[in-house]
Amino acid sequence: MLIRLFRGVIRDGAEDRVLRMLYDEVLPPLKAHPAVLASTLAVPLEGGSPSEYLLETHWRRVHDLIAFAGSRWREPCVEPGEDECVVSVSARHYVGTGFAPRLTGGGGPVAKVVWLEGVEIDGPRLQVVWNGSAVHLPPREMMAMLALASSAGEPLGSAELAPRIWPGSALVGPDDVRRVIHRLRTLLRSMGVPLEIRNLHGRGYGLELPSER
């Protein structure tokens, strides 16, 4: 397994533009690539100017990255339009001996099933099933769903959720967790799932069951 750490330092005032480009144009093809085991975009917890970001990707083999990025794969490059927004970029590569579970789009199933008051949260099938209906969840959202369901009645903070959503990766923070929870909440509400995720000030996120309403 090859681990690639890409670091970019963003010019002051260009943070929103760069992060939007990364989320909309850079991450999707990585998450969809069959040779990418995991991909994570992270920003510092502390503020700063200019700010920076880290893009961590886990590839099955070095040859897979070469096929994706070309013969100059060791050299960091940026998307068109991004070059004017960054101060510098760098890339480091590491050979890993372990296995990074694929938790991005198209990843493998999560081996766990939880029942909550007639709602089945099926990790292996990436589905939430209730009353004859079902909604499919992406792998990261399912990891968050299972974590909240396993702690129903007790809120979980971002620091507790992050390692459950991104096992083995330290390059995540509260903003990453917040985005996953937002997408999960939107999916549940749009499909009428009788579970609600609440923001509990100073405590984290909690799952509200139908009987509690």
N, C-alpha and C. Protein backbone atom coordinates (compact mmCIF):
# COMPACT_ATOMS: atom_id res chain seq x y z
N MET A 1 0.83 -1.19 0.00
CA MET A 1 0.00 0.00 0.00
C MET A 1 0.88 1.25 0.00
N LEU A 2 0.50 2.24 -0.79
CA LEU A 2 1.22 3.51 -0.85
C LEU A 2 0.36 4.61 -0.25
N ILE A 3 0.94 5.37 0.68
CA ILE A 3 0.25 6.50 1.30
C ILE A 3 0.84 7.79 0.75
N ARG A 4 -0.02 8.63 0.23
CA ARG A 4 0.44 9.90 -0.34
C ARG A 4 -0.13 11.05 0.50
N LEU A 5 0.75 11.90 1.00
CA LEU A 5 0.36 13.09 1.76
C LEU A 5 0.67 14.32 0.93
N PHE A 6 -0.37 15.01 0.52
CA PHE A 6 -0.22 16.21 -0.30
C PHE A 6 -0.57 17.42 0.57
N ARG A 7 0.36 18.37 0.65
CA ARG A 7 0.15 19.55 1.48
C ARG A 7 0.14 20.79 0.61
N GLY A 8 -0.86 21.64 0.83
CA GLY A 8 -0.94 22.90 0.11
C GLY A 8 -1.10 24.06 1.07
N VAL A 9 -0.39 25.14 0.85
CA VAL A 9 -0.51 26.36 1.65
C VAL A 9 -1.30 27.37 0.83
N ILE A 10 -2.41 27.84 1.38
CA ILE A 10 -3.37 28.67 0.64
C ILE A 10 -3.10 30.16 0.89
N ARG A 11 -3.21 30.92 -0.18
CA ARG A 11 -3.05 32.37 -0.05
C ARG A 11 -4.19 32.94 0.79
N ASP A 12 -3.90 34.01 1.52
CA ASP A 12 -4.89 34.66 2.36
C ASP A 12 -6.07 35.14 1.51
N GLY A 13 -7.27 34.77 1.93
CA GLY A 13 -8.47 35.19 1.22
C GLY A 13 -8.97 34.21 0.18
N ALA A 14 -8.17 33.19 -0.13
CA ALA A 14 -8.56 32.23 -1.17
C ALA A 14 -9.01 30.89 -0.59
N GLU A 15 -9.18 30.82 0.74
CA GLU A 15 -9.51 29.55 1.39
C GLU A 15 -10.80 28.94 0.84
N ASP A 16 -11.86 29.72 0.79
CA ASP A 16 -13.15 29.18 0.35
C ASP A 16 -13.07 28.65 -1.08
N ARG A 17 -12.40 29.38 -1.95
CA ARG A 17 -12.30 28.97 -3.35
C ARG A 17 -11.53 27.66 -3.49
N VAL A 18 -10.41 27.56 -2.77
CA VAL A 18 -9.58 26.36 -2.87
C VAL A 18 -10.31 25.15 -2.29
N LEU A 19 -10.92 25.29 -1.12
CA LEU A 19 -11.59 24.16 -0.50
C LEU A 19 -12.79 23.71 -1.32
N ARG A 20 -13.51 24.67 -1.91
CA ARG A 20 -14.63 24.30 -2.77
C ARG A 20 -14.15 23.51 -3.98
N MET A 21 -13.02 23.92 -4.56
CA MET A 21 -12.45 23.22 -5.70
C MET A 21 -12.00 21.81 -5.31
N LEU A 22 -11.41 21.69 -4.13
CA LEU A 22 -10.95 20.38 -3.67
C LEU A 22 -12.12 19.43 -3.47
N TYR A 23 -13.17 19.92 -2.83
CA TYR A 23 -14.33 19.07 -2.55
C TYR A 23 -15.11 18.74 -3.81
N ASP A 24 -15.20 19.68 -4.74
CA ASP A 24 -16.04 19.48 -5.92
C ASP A 24 -15.31 18.82 -7.08
N GLU A 25 -13.99 19.06 -7.21
CA GLU A 25 -13.28 18.61 -8.40
C GLU A 25 -12.16 17.61 -8.14
N VAL A 26 -11.55 17.67 -6.96
CA VAL A 26 -10.40 16.81 -6.69
C VAL A 26 -10.83 15.51 -5.99
N LEU A 27 -11.62 15.63 -4.94
CA LEU A 27 -11.99 14.44 -4.17
C LEU A 27 -12.88 13.44 -4.93
N PRO A 28 -13.89 13.90 -5.69
CA PRO A 28 -14.79 12.92 -6.34
C PRO A 28 -14.08 11.87 -7.19
N PRO A 29 -13.14 12.25 -8.10
CA PRO A 29 -12.48 11.19 -8.87
C PRO A 29 -11.60 10.28 -8.02
N LEU A 30 -11.05 10.80 -6.93
CA LEU A 30 -10.26 9.96 -6.05
C LEU A 30 -11.15 8.95 -5.33
N LYS A 31 -12.29 9.42 -4.84
CA LYS A 31 -13.20 8.53 -4.12
C LYS A 31 -13.78 7.45 -5.04
N ALA A 32 -13.91 7.78 -6.32
CA ALA A 32 -14.49 6.82 -7.26
C ALA A 32 -13.45 5.86 -7.85
N HIS A 33 -12.17 6.13 -7.63
CA HIS A 33 -11.12 5.32 -8.24
C HIS A 33 -11.02 3.97 -7.55
N PRO A 34 -11.05 2.87 -8.30
CA PRO A 34 -11.02 1.54 -7.68
C PRO A 34 -9.73 1.21 -6.95
N ALA A 35 -8.64 1.93 -7.23
CA ALA A 35 -7.37 1.63 -6.58
C ALA A 35 -7.13 2.48 -5.33
N VAL A 36 -8.03 3.42 -5.04
CA VAL A 36 -7.89 4.27 -3.86
C VAL A 36 -8.63 3.63 -2.70
N LEU A 37 -7.89 3.24 -1.67
CA LEU A 37 -8.48 2.58 -0.51
C LEU A 37 -9.14 3.57 0.42
N ALA A 38 -8.60 4.77 0.51
CA ALA A 38 -9.15 5.81 1.39
C ALA A 38 -8.63 7.16 0.95
N SER A 39 -9.43 8.19 1.15
CA SER A 39 -9.00 9.56 0.84
C SER A 39 -9.62 10.51 1.85
N THR A 40 -8.80 11.42 2.37
CA THR A 40 -9.24 12.34 3.40
C THR A 40 -8.66 13.73 3.15
N LEU A 41 -9.53 14.74 3.23
CA LEU A 41 -9.09 16.13 3.15
C LEU A 41 -9.20 16.73 4.53
N ALA A 42 -8.13 17.36 5.02
CA ALA A 42 -8.12 17.91 6.37
C ALA A 42 -7.51 19.30 6.39
N VAL A 43 -8.02 20.12 7.32
CA VAL A 43 -7.49 21.46 7.54
C VAL A 43 -7.13 21.59 9.02
N PRO A 44 -6.25 22.51 9.38
CA PRO A 44 -5.81 22.63 10.78
C PRO A 44 -6.95 23.02 11.71
N LEU A 45 -6.88 22.55 12.95
CA LEU A 45 -7.84 22.98 13.96
C LEU A 45 -7.62 24.44 14.32
N GLU A 46 -6.35 24.86 14.34
CA GLU A 46 -6.01 26.24 14.69
C GLU A 46 -6.13 27.13 13.46
N GLY A 47 -6.54 28.36 13.66
CA GLY A 47 -6.62 29.30 12.57
C GLY A 47 -5.24 29.78 12.16
N GLY A 48 -5.15 30.40 11.02
CA GLY A 48 -3.86 30.90 10.57
C GLY A 48 -3.98 31.54 9.22
N SER A 49 -3.02 32.34 8.86
CA SER A 49 -3.04 32.99 7.56
C SER A 49 -1.62 33.08 7.04
N PRO A 50 -1.31 32.48 5.86
CA PRO A 50 -2.27 31.69 5.07
C PRO A 50 -2.52 30.33 5.70
N SER A 51 -3.65 29.72 5.39
CA SER A 51 -3.97 28.41 5.95
C SER A 51 -3.43 27.32 5.04
N GLU A 52 -3.60 26.10 5.45
CA GLU A 52 -3.10 24.98 4.67
C GLU A 52 -4.12 23.85 4.66
N TYR A 53 -3.87 22.87 3.82
CA TYR A 53 -4.70 21.67 3.82
C TYR A 53 -3.82 20.47 3.56
N LEU A 54 -4.30 19.31 3.99
CA LEU A 54 -3.62 18.05 3.74
C LEU A 54 -4.60 17.11 3.03
N LEU A 55 -4.14 16.52 1.96
CA LEU A 55 -4.93 15.53 1.24
C LEU A 55 -4.20 14.19 1.36
N GLU A 56 -4.80 13.27 2.10
CA GLU A 56 -4.19 11.96 2.34
C GLU A 56 -4.91 10.92 1.50
N THR A 57 -4.16 10.19 0.68
CA THR A 57 -4.76 9.11 -0.12
C THR A 57 -3.97 7.83 0.09
N HIS A 58 -4.70 6.73 0.16
CA HIS A 58 -4.10 5.41 0.30
C HIS A 58 -4.34 4.64 -0.99
N TRP A 59 -3.27 4.24 -1.67
CA TRP A 59 -3.36 3.53 -2.95
C TRP A 59 -2.96 2.07 -2.75
N ARG A 60 -3.58 1.20 -3.53
CA ARG A 60 -3.26 -0.22 -3.42
C ARG A 60 -1.79 -0.49 -3.76
N ARG A 61 -1.32 0.13 -4.85
CA ARG A 61 0.06 -0.10 -5.29
C ARG A 61 0.62 1.20 -5.86
N VAL A 62 1.94 1.29 -5.91
CA VAL A 62 2.59 2.45 -6.52
C VAL A 62 2.19 2.56 -7.98
N HIS A 63 2.10 1.44 -8.68
CA HIS A 63 1.76 1.47 -10.10
C HIS A 63 0.37 2.04 -10.35
N ASP A 64 -0.53 1.88 -9.39
CA ASP A 64 -1.87 2.45 -9.55
C ASP A 64 -1.81 3.98 -9.54
N LEU A 65 -0.99 4.54 -8.64
CA LEU A 65 -0.83 5.99 -8.60
C LEU A 65 -0.15 6.49 -9.86
N ILE A 66 0.83 5.76 -10.35
CA ILE A 66 1.52 6.16 -11.58
C ILE A 66 0.55 6.18 -12.75
N ALA A 67 -0.31 5.16 -12.83
CA ALA A 67 -1.29 5.11 -13.91
C ALA A 67 -2.27 6.26 -13.83
N PHE A 68 -2.55 6.72 -12.62
CA PHE A 68 -3.50 7.82 -12.41
C PHE A 68 -2.85 9.18 -12.66
N ALA A 69 -1.64 9.38 -12.13
CA ALA A 69 -1.01 10.70 -12.15
C ALA A 69 0.06 10.87 -13.23
N GLY A 70 0.51 9.77 -13.86
CA GLY A 70 1.52 9.88 -14.89
C GLY A 70 2.92 9.65 -14.36
N SER A 71 3.89 9.75 -15.26
CA SER A 71 5.27 9.44 -14.91
C SER A 71 5.88 10.42 -13.91
N ARG A 72 5.28 11.62 -13.80
CA ARG A 72 5.80 12.62 -12.86
C ARG A 72 4.98 12.64 -11.58
N TRP A 73 4.54 11.46 -11.16
CA TRP A 73 3.65 11.34 -10.01
C TRP A 73 4.26 11.82 -8.71
N ARG A 74 5.59 11.81 -8.63
CA ARG A 74 6.25 12.28 -7.40
C ARG A 74 6.15 13.80 -7.23
N GLU A 75 5.93 14.52 -8.31
CA GLU A 75 5.91 15.98 -8.26
C GLU A 75 4.49 16.47 -7.96
N PRO A 76 4.33 17.33 -6.96
CA PRO A 76 2.99 17.83 -6.64
C PRO A 76 2.48 18.75 -7.74
N CYS A 77 1.22 18.64 -8.07
CA CYS A 77 0.61 19.51 -9.07
C CYS A 77 -0.76 19.94 -8.56
N VAL A 78 -1.28 21.01 -9.10
CA VAL A 78 -2.58 21.54 -8.69
C VAL A 78 -3.48 21.65 -9.90
N GLU A 79 -4.78 21.77 -9.63
CA GLU A 79 -5.75 21.89 -10.69
C GLU A 79 -5.65 23.27 -11.35
N PRO A 80 -6.04 23.39 -12.63
CA PRO A 80 -6.06 24.71 -13.28
C PRO A 80 -6.93 25.68 -12.49
N GLY A 81 -6.40 26.86 -12.24
CA GLY A 81 -7.13 27.85 -11.46
C GLY A 81 -6.76 27.81 -9.99
N GLU A 82 -6.24 26.67 -9.54
CA GLU A 82 -5.84 26.55 -8.15
C GLU A 82 -4.45 27.12 -7.91
N ASP A 83 -3.63 27.13 -8.98
CA ASP A 83 -2.24 27.55 -8.83
C ASP A 83 -2.11 29.00 -8.36
N GLU A 84 -3.07 29.84 -8.76
CA GLU A 84 -3.00 31.25 -8.34
C GLU A 84 -3.50 31.46 -6.92
N CYS A 85 -4.02 30.39 -6.31
CA CYS A 85 -4.60 30.50 -4.97
C CYS A 85 -3.73 29.87 -3.89
N VAL A 86 -2.62 29.26 -4.29
CA VAL A 86 -1.78 28.58 -3.30
C VAL A 86 -0.38 29.19 -3.30
N VAL A 87 0.21 29.20 -2.12
CA VAL A 87 1.57 29.71 -1.97
C VAL A 87 2.58 28.63 -2.33
N SER A 88 2.32 27.41 -1.90
CA SER A 88 3.23 26.30 -2.19
C SER A 88 2.49 24.98 -2.05
N VAL A 89 3.02 23.94 -2.67
CA VAL A 89 2.49 22.60 -2.54
C VAL A 89 3.65 21.63 -2.39
N SER A 90 3.40 20.51 -1.73
CA SER A 90 4.43 19.49 -1.58
C SER A 90 3.74 18.14 -1.45
N ALA A 91 4.47 17.08 -1.75
CA ALA A 91 3.92 15.73 -1.66
C ALA A 91 4.96 14.80 -1.06
N ARG A 92 4.51 13.96 -0.14
CA ARG A 92 5.38 12.94 0.46
C ARG A 92 4.71 11.58 0.26
N HIS A 93 5.53 10.55 0.09
CA HIS A 93 5.01 9.21 -0.17
C HIS A 93 5.60 8.22 0.84
N TYR A 94 4.74 7.34 1.33
CA TYR A 94 5.15 6.36 2.33
C TYR A 94 4.61 4.98 1.94
N VAL A 95 5.38 3.97 2.24
CA VAL A 95 4.93 2.60 1.98
C VAL A 95 4.35 2.06 3.28
N GLY A 96 3.10 1.62 3.24
CA GLY A 96 2.44 1.09 4.42
C GLY A 96 2.38 -0.42 4.37
N THR A 97 2.45 -1.04 5.54
CA THR A 97 2.39 -2.50 5.62
C THR A 97 1.02 -2.99 6.02
N GLY A 98 0.15 -2.06 6.50
CA GLY A 98 -1.18 -2.46 6.91
C GLY A 98 -2.17 -2.29 5.79
N PHE A 99 -3.44 -2.48 6.11
CA PHE A 99 -4.51 -2.32 5.13
C PHE A 99 -5.41 -1.19 5.57
N ALA A 100 -5.62 -0.24 4.70
CA ALA A 100 -6.52 0.87 5.00
C ALA A 100 -7.91 0.51 4.50
N PRO A 101 -8.92 0.41 5.37
CA PRO A 101 -10.25 0.05 4.91
C PRO A 101 -10.79 1.11 3.98
N ARG A 102 -11.39 0.70 2.91
CA ARG A 102 -11.92 1.65 1.94
C ARG A 102 -13.22 2.22 2.45
N LEU A 103 -13.24 3.51 2.78
CA LEU A 103 -14.41 4.13 3.36
C LEU A 103 -14.94 5.25 2.49
N THR A 104 -14.42 5.39 1.29
CA THR A 104 -14.89 6.41 0.39
C THR A 104 -15.95 5.84 -0.52
N GLY A 105 -16.48 6.69 -1.41
CA GLY A 105 -17.54 6.24 -2.29
C GLY A 105 -17.14 4.99 -3.03
N GLY A 106 -18.07 4.02 -3.11
CA GLY A 106 -17.79 2.78 -3.77
C GLY A 106 -17.01 1.81 -2.91
N GLY A 107 -16.83 2.14 -1.60
CA GLY A 107 -16.05 1.29 -0.73
C GLY A 107 -16.81 0.05 -0.29
N GLY A 108 -16.12 -0.78 0.46
CA GLY A 108 -16.70 -2.01 0.93
C GLY A 108 -17.70 -1.79 2.05
N PRO A 109 -18.49 -2.79 2.38
CA PRO A 109 -19.53 -2.65 3.38
C PRO A 109 -18.98 -2.57 4.79
N VAL A 110 -19.80 -2.09 5.69
CA VAL A 110 -19.48 -2.01 7.10
C VAL A 110 -20.16 -3.19 7.79
N ALA A 111 -19.40 -4.02 8.48
CA ALA A 111 -19.94 -5.27 9.01
C ALA A 111 -20.61 -5.08 10.35
N LYS A 112 -21.84 -4.51 10.35
CA LYS A 112 -22.58 -4.35 11.59
C LYS A 112 -24.02 -4.03 11.26
N VAL A 113 -24.95 -4.58 12.07
CA VAL A 113 -26.37 -4.29 11.92
C VAL A 113 -26.91 -3.87 13.28
N VAL A 114 -27.67 -2.77 13.34
CA VAL A 114 -28.24 -2.27 14.58
C VAL A 114 -29.73 -2.05 14.36
N TRP A 115 -30.54 -2.44 15.37
CA TRP A 115 -31.98 -2.20 15.33
C TRP A 115 -32.35 -1.17 16.38
N LEU A 116 -33.16 -0.18 15.97
CA LEU A 116 -33.65 0.85 16.89
C LEU A 116 -35.14 1.07 16.64
N GLU A 117 -35.97 0.52 17.53
CA GLU A 117 -37.41 0.76 17.47
C GLU A 117 -37.99 0.55 16.07
N GLY A 118 -37.71 -0.59 15.48
CA GLY A 118 -38.27 -0.90 14.18
C GLY A 118 -37.46 -0.38 13.00
N VAL A 119 -36.39 0.35 13.25
CA VAL A 119 -35.51 0.84 12.19
C VAL A 119 -34.26 -0.04 12.16
N GLU A 120 -33.98 -0.61 11.00
CA GLU A 120 -32.80 -1.47 10.84
C GLU A 120 -31.68 -0.68 10.17
N ILE A 121 -30.55 -0.58 10.84
CA ILE A 121 -29.38 0.08 10.26
C ILE A 121 -28.43 -1.03 9.84
N ASP A 122 -28.40 -1.28 8.54
CA ASP A 122 -27.71 -2.43 7.97
C ASP A 122 -26.37 -1.99 7.37
N GLY A 123 -25.29 -2.15 8.15
CA GLY A 123 -23.97 -1.75 7.68
C GLY A 123 -23.51 -2.48 6.44
N PRO A 124 -23.60 -3.83 6.40
CA PRO A 124 -23.12 -4.56 5.23
C PRO A 124 -23.80 -4.15 3.93
N ARG A 125 -25.08 -3.79 3.99
CA ARG A 125 -25.80 -3.39 2.78
C ARG A 125 -25.85 -1.87 2.61
N LEU A 126 -25.26 -1.13 3.58
CA LEU A 126 -25.25 0.33 3.53
C LEU A 126 -26.67 0.89 3.39
N GLN A 127 -27.58 0.35 4.18
CA GLN A 127 -28.98 0.77 4.09
C GLN A 127 -29.57 1.00 5.48
N VAL A 128 -30.53 1.94 5.53
CA VAL A 128 -31.39 2.10 6.68
C VAL A 128 -32.80 1.70 6.22
N VAL A 129 -33.37 0.70 6.90
CA VAL A 129 -34.64 0.13 6.47
C VAL A 129 -35.69 0.30 7.57
N TRP A 130 -36.89 0.73 7.19
CA TRP A 130 -37.98 0.89 8.16
C TRP A 130 -39.32 0.81 7.43
N ASN A 131 -40.26 0.08 8.00
CA ASN A 131 -41.63 0.03 7.53
C ASN A 131 -41.74 -0.19 6.02
N GLY A 132 -40.92 -1.07 5.48
CA GLY A 132 -40.97 -1.37 4.05
C GLY A 132 -40.22 -0.41 3.16
N SER A 133 -39.63 0.63 3.73
CA SER A 133 -38.86 1.60 2.94
C SER A 133 -37.38 1.46 3.29
N ALA A 134 -36.54 2.02 2.42
CA ALA A 134 -35.10 1.94 2.65
C ALA A 134 -34.40 3.14 2.03
N VAL A 135 -33.28 3.56 2.63
CA VAL A 135 -32.45 4.61 2.07
C VAL A 135 -31.00 4.12 2.09
N HIS A 136 -30.31 4.33 0.98
CA HIS A 136 -28.90 3.94 0.86
C HIS A 136 -28.02 5.06 1.40
N LEU A 137 -27.02 4.70 2.20
CA LEU A 137 -26.08 5.67 2.75
C LEU A 137 -24.69 5.42 2.19
N PRO A 138 -23.95 6.48 1.87
CA PRO A 138 -22.53 6.32 1.50
C PRO A 138 -21.77 5.75 2.70
N PRO A 139 -20.62 5.13 2.47
CA PRO A 139 -19.89 4.47 3.56
C PRO A 139 -19.57 5.35 4.76
N ARG A 140 -19.12 6.59 4.55
CA ARG A 140 -18.77 7.43 5.70
C ARG A 140 -20.02 7.80 6.50
N GLU A 141 -21.11 8.10 5.79
CA GLU A 141 -22.35 8.43 6.48
C GLU A 141 -22.86 7.21 7.26
N MET A 142 -22.68 6.01 6.70
CA MET A 142 -23.08 4.80 7.42
C MET A 142 -22.25 4.60 8.67
N MET A 143 -20.94 4.89 8.60
CA MET A 143 -20.08 4.77 9.78
C MET A 143 -20.56 5.71 10.88
N ALA A 144 -20.93 6.94 10.49
CA ALA A 144 -21.46 7.90 11.47
C ALA A 144 -22.79 7.42 12.02
N MET A 145 -23.65 6.88 11.15
CA MET A 145 -24.96 6.38 11.56
C MET A 145 -24.81 5.26 12.59
N LEU A 146 -23.92 4.33 12.33
CA LEU A 146 -23.71 3.21 13.25
C LEU A 146 -23.14 3.69 14.59
N ALA A 147 -22.24 4.66 14.54
CA ALA A 147 -21.66 5.19 15.78
C ALA A 147 -22.73 5.84 16.63
N LEU A 148 -23.59 6.65 16.02
CA LEU A 148 -24.65 7.31 16.76
C LEU A 148 -25.68 6.31 17.27
N ALA A 149 -26.00 5.31 16.44
CA ALA A 149 -26.99 4.31 16.83
C ALA A 149 -26.48 3.46 18.00
N SER A 150 -25.19 3.17 17.99
CA SER A 150 -24.61 2.36 19.06
C SER A 150 -24.55 3.12 20.38
N SER A 151 -24.63 4.43 20.29
CA SER A 151 -24.59 5.27 21.50
C SER A 151 -25.90 6.02 21.67
N ALA A 152 -27.01 5.43 21.18
CA ALA A 152 -28.31 6.10 21.27
C ALA A 152 -28.61 6.50 22.71
N GLY A 153 -28.98 7.74 22.90
CA GLY A 153 -29.25 8.26 24.23
C GLY A 153 -28.06 9.00 24.81
N GLU A 154 -26.86 8.77 24.28
CA GLU A 154 -25.65 9.46 24.74
C GLU A 154 -25.02 10.19 23.56
N PRO A 155 -24.84 11.49 23.65
CA PRO A 155 -24.25 12.25 22.53
C PRO A 155 -22.78 11.90 22.33
N LEU A 156 -22.34 12.07 21.09
CA LEU A 156 -20.93 11.84 20.75
C LEU A 156 -20.36 13.14 20.19
N GLY A 157 -19.20 13.53 20.68
CA GLY A 157 -18.53 14.72 20.18
C GLY A 157 -17.74 14.40 18.91
N SER A 158 -17.26 15.46 18.27
CA SER A 158 -16.48 15.27 17.04
C SER A 158 -15.23 14.43 17.28
N ALA A 159 -14.60 14.62 18.43
CA ALA A 159 -13.38 13.85 18.73
C ALA A 159 -13.67 12.37 18.86
N GLU A 160 -14.90 12.01 19.28
CA GLU A 160 -15.26 10.60 19.39
C GLU A 160 -15.73 10.03 18.06
N LEU A 161 -16.38 10.86 17.24
CA LEU A 161 -16.90 10.39 15.96
C LEU A 161 -15.81 10.25 14.90
N ALA A 162 -14.82 11.15 14.91
CA ALA A 162 -13.81 11.15 13.86
C ALA A 162 -13.12 9.81 13.69
N PRO A 163 -12.60 9.17 14.76
CA PRO A 163 -11.92 7.89 14.55
C PRO A 163 -12.84 6.75 14.14
N ARG A 164 -14.15 6.91 14.38
CA ARG A 164 -15.10 5.88 13.96
C ARG A 164 -15.46 6.04 12.48
N ILE A 165 -15.43 7.28 12.00
CA ILE A 165 -15.75 7.53 10.60
C ILE A 165 -14.52 7.33 9.71
N TRP A 166 -13.34 7.74 10.24
CA TRP A 166 -12.08 7.59 9.50
C TRP A 166 -11.10 6.75 10.32
N PRO A 167 -11.33 5.46 10.48
CA PRO A 167 -10.41 4.64 11.29
C PRO A 167 -8.98 4.71 10.74
N GLY A 168 -8.03 4.95 11.64
CA GLY A 168 -6.63 4.93 11.25
C GLY A 168 -6.10 6.22 10.69
N SER A 169 -6.94 7.25 10.55
CA SER A 169 -6.46 8.52 10.01
C SER A 169 -6.56 9.61 11.07
N ALA A 170 -5.45 10.33 11.26
CA ALA A 170 -5.44 11.43 12.24
C ALA A 170 -5.66 12.78 11.57
N LEU A 171 -5.77 12.81 10.24
CA LEU A 171 -5.84 14.07 9.52
C LEU A 171 -7.28 14.52 9.31
N VAL A 172 -8.07 14.48 10.37
CA VAL A 172 -9.46 14.92 10.30
C VAL A 172 -9.77 15.81 11.48
N GLY A 173 -10.79 16.63 11.35
CA GLY A 173 -11.16 17.54 12.41
C GLY A 173 -12.66 17.73 12.49
N PRO A 174 -13.11 18.64 13.36
CA PRO A 174 -14.54 18.87 13.56
C PRO A 174 -15.28 19.25 12.29
N ASP A 175 -14.65 20.02 11.40
CA ASP A 175 -15.33 20.41 10.16
C ASP A 175 -15.62 19.20 9.27
N ASP A 176 -14.70 18.24 9.24
CA ASP A 176 -14.93 17.02 8.46
C ASP A 176 -16.12 16.24 9.02
N VAL A 177 -16.17 16.12 10.35
CA VAL A 177 -17.28 15.42 10.99
C VAL A 177 -18.58 16.16 10.73
N ARG A 178 -18.54 17.48 10.84
CA ARG A 178 -19.75 18.28 10.64
C ARG A 178 -20.32 18.08 9.25
N ARG A 179 -19.47 18.00 8.24
CA ARG A 179 -19.96 17.80 6.87
C ARG A 179 -20.63 16.44 6.71
N VAL A 180 -20.04 15.41 7.30
CA VAL A 180 -20.63 14.07 7.20
C VAL A 180 -21.98 14.03 7.91
N ILE A 181 -22.05 14.62 9.10
CA ILE A 181 -23.32 14.65 9.85
C ILE A 181 -24.38 15.43 9.09
N HIS A 182 -23.98 16.53 8.46
CA HIS A 182 -24.94 17.32 7.68
C HIS A 182 -25.51 16.50 6.52
N ARG A 183 -24.64 15.79 5.80
CA ARG A 183 -25.12 14.96 4.68
C ARG A 183 -26.00 13.83 5.18
N LEU A 184 -25.62 13.22 6.31
CA LEU A 184 -26.42 12.14 6.88
C LEU A 184 -27.79 12.64 7.30
N ARG A 185 -27.82 13.76 8.00
CA ARG A 185 -29.11 14.32 8.45
C ARG A 185 -30.01 14.64 7.25
N THR A 186 -29.41 15.21 6.20
CA THR A 186 -30.19 15.56 5.00
C THR A 186 -30.78 14.32 4.35
N LEU A 187 -30.00 13.24 4.26
CA LEU A 187 -30.50 12.00 3.67
C LEU A 187 -31.64 11.41 4.48
N LEU A 188 -31.48 11.37 5.80
CA LEU A 188 -32.52 10.80 6.66
C LEU A 188 -33.81 11.60 6.55
N ARG A 189 -33.70 12.91 6.59
CA ARG A 189 -34.90 13.75 6.52
C ARG A 189 -35.59 13.65 5.16
N SER A 190 -34.78 13.63 4.10
CA SER A 190 -35.37 13.63 2.75
C SER A 190 -36.15 12.35 2.48
N MET A 191 -35.77 11.26 3.14
CA MET A 191 -36.44 9.98 2.91
C MET A 191 -37.44 9.63 4.00
N GLY A 192 -37.62 10.54 4.96
CA GLY A 192 -38.61 10.31 6.00
C GLY A 192 -38.24 9.27 7.03
N VAL A 193 -36.96 9.01 7.21
CA VAL A 193 -36.53 8.05 8.23
C VAL A 193 -36.89 8.59 9.62
N PRO A 194 -37.56 7.78 10.46
CA PRO A 194 -38.02 8.28 11.77
C PRO A 194 -36.92 8.36 12.81
N LEU A 195 -35.77 8.85 12.43
CA LEU A 195 -34.65 9.10 13.33
C LEU A 195 -34.16 10.52 13.07
N GLU A 196 -33.80 11.22 14.11
CA GLU A 196 -33.35 12.61 13.96
C GLU A 196 -32.03 12.80 14.68
N ILE A 197 -31.11 13.48 14.02
CA ILE A 197 -29.81 13.79 14.63
C ILE A 197 -29.88 15.20 15.20
N ARG A 198 -29.64 15.31 16.49
CA ARG A 198 -29.70 16.60 17.17
C ARG A 198 -28.30 17.11 17.49
N ASN A 199 -28.13 18.43 17.38
CA ASN A 199 -26.92 19.08 17.85
C ASN A 199 -27.13 19.46 19.31
N LEU A 200 -26.34 18.91 20.19
CA LEU A 200 -26.45 19.20 21.61
C LEU A 200 -25.29 20.09 22.01
N HIS A 201 -25.57 21.33 22.30
CA HIS A 201 -24.53 22.34 22.51
C HIS A 201 -23.53 21.90 23.57
N GLY A 202 -22.28 21.92 23.16
CA GLY A 202 -21.20 21.58 24.07
C GLY A 202 -21.03 20.10 24.34
N ARG A 203 -21.89 19.27 23.73
CA ARG A 203 -21.83 17.83 24.00
C ARG A 203 -21.62 17.00 22.73
N GLY A 204 -22.06 17.52 21.59
CA GLY A 204 -21.87 16.79 20.34
C GLY A 204 -23.17 16.50 19.63
N TYR A 205 -23.27 15.31 19.06
CA TYR A 205 -24.43 14.92 18.26
C TYR A 205 -25.11 13.73 18.91
N GLY A 206 -26.45 13.77 18.94
CA GLY A 206 -27.21 12.69 19.53
C GLY A 206 -28.31 12.23 18.60
N LEU A 207 -28.66 10.96 18.68
CA LEU A 207 -29.70 10.37 17.85
C LEU A 207 -31.00 10.33 18.64
N GLU A 208 -32.02 10.96 18.10
CA GLU A 208 -33.33 11.00 18.75
C GLU A 208 -34.22 9.92 18.15
N LEU A 209 -34.78 9.05 18.99
CA LEU A 209 -35.63 7.95 18.55
C LEU A 209 -37.09 8.40 18.45
N PRO A 210 -37.92 7.66 17.69
CA PRO A 210 -39.34 8.04 17.54
C PRO A 210 -40.06 8.15 18.89
N SER A 211 -39.74 7.26 19.82
CA SER A 211 -40.43 7.27 21.13
C SER A 211 -40.08 8.47 21.98
N GLU A 212 -39.04 9.19 21.60
CA GLU A 212 -38.59 10.33 22.39
C GLU A 212 -39.21 11.64 21.90
N ARG A 213 -40.01 11.57 20.85
CA ARG A 213 -40.60 12.80 20.30
C ARG A 213 -41.97 13.08 20.92
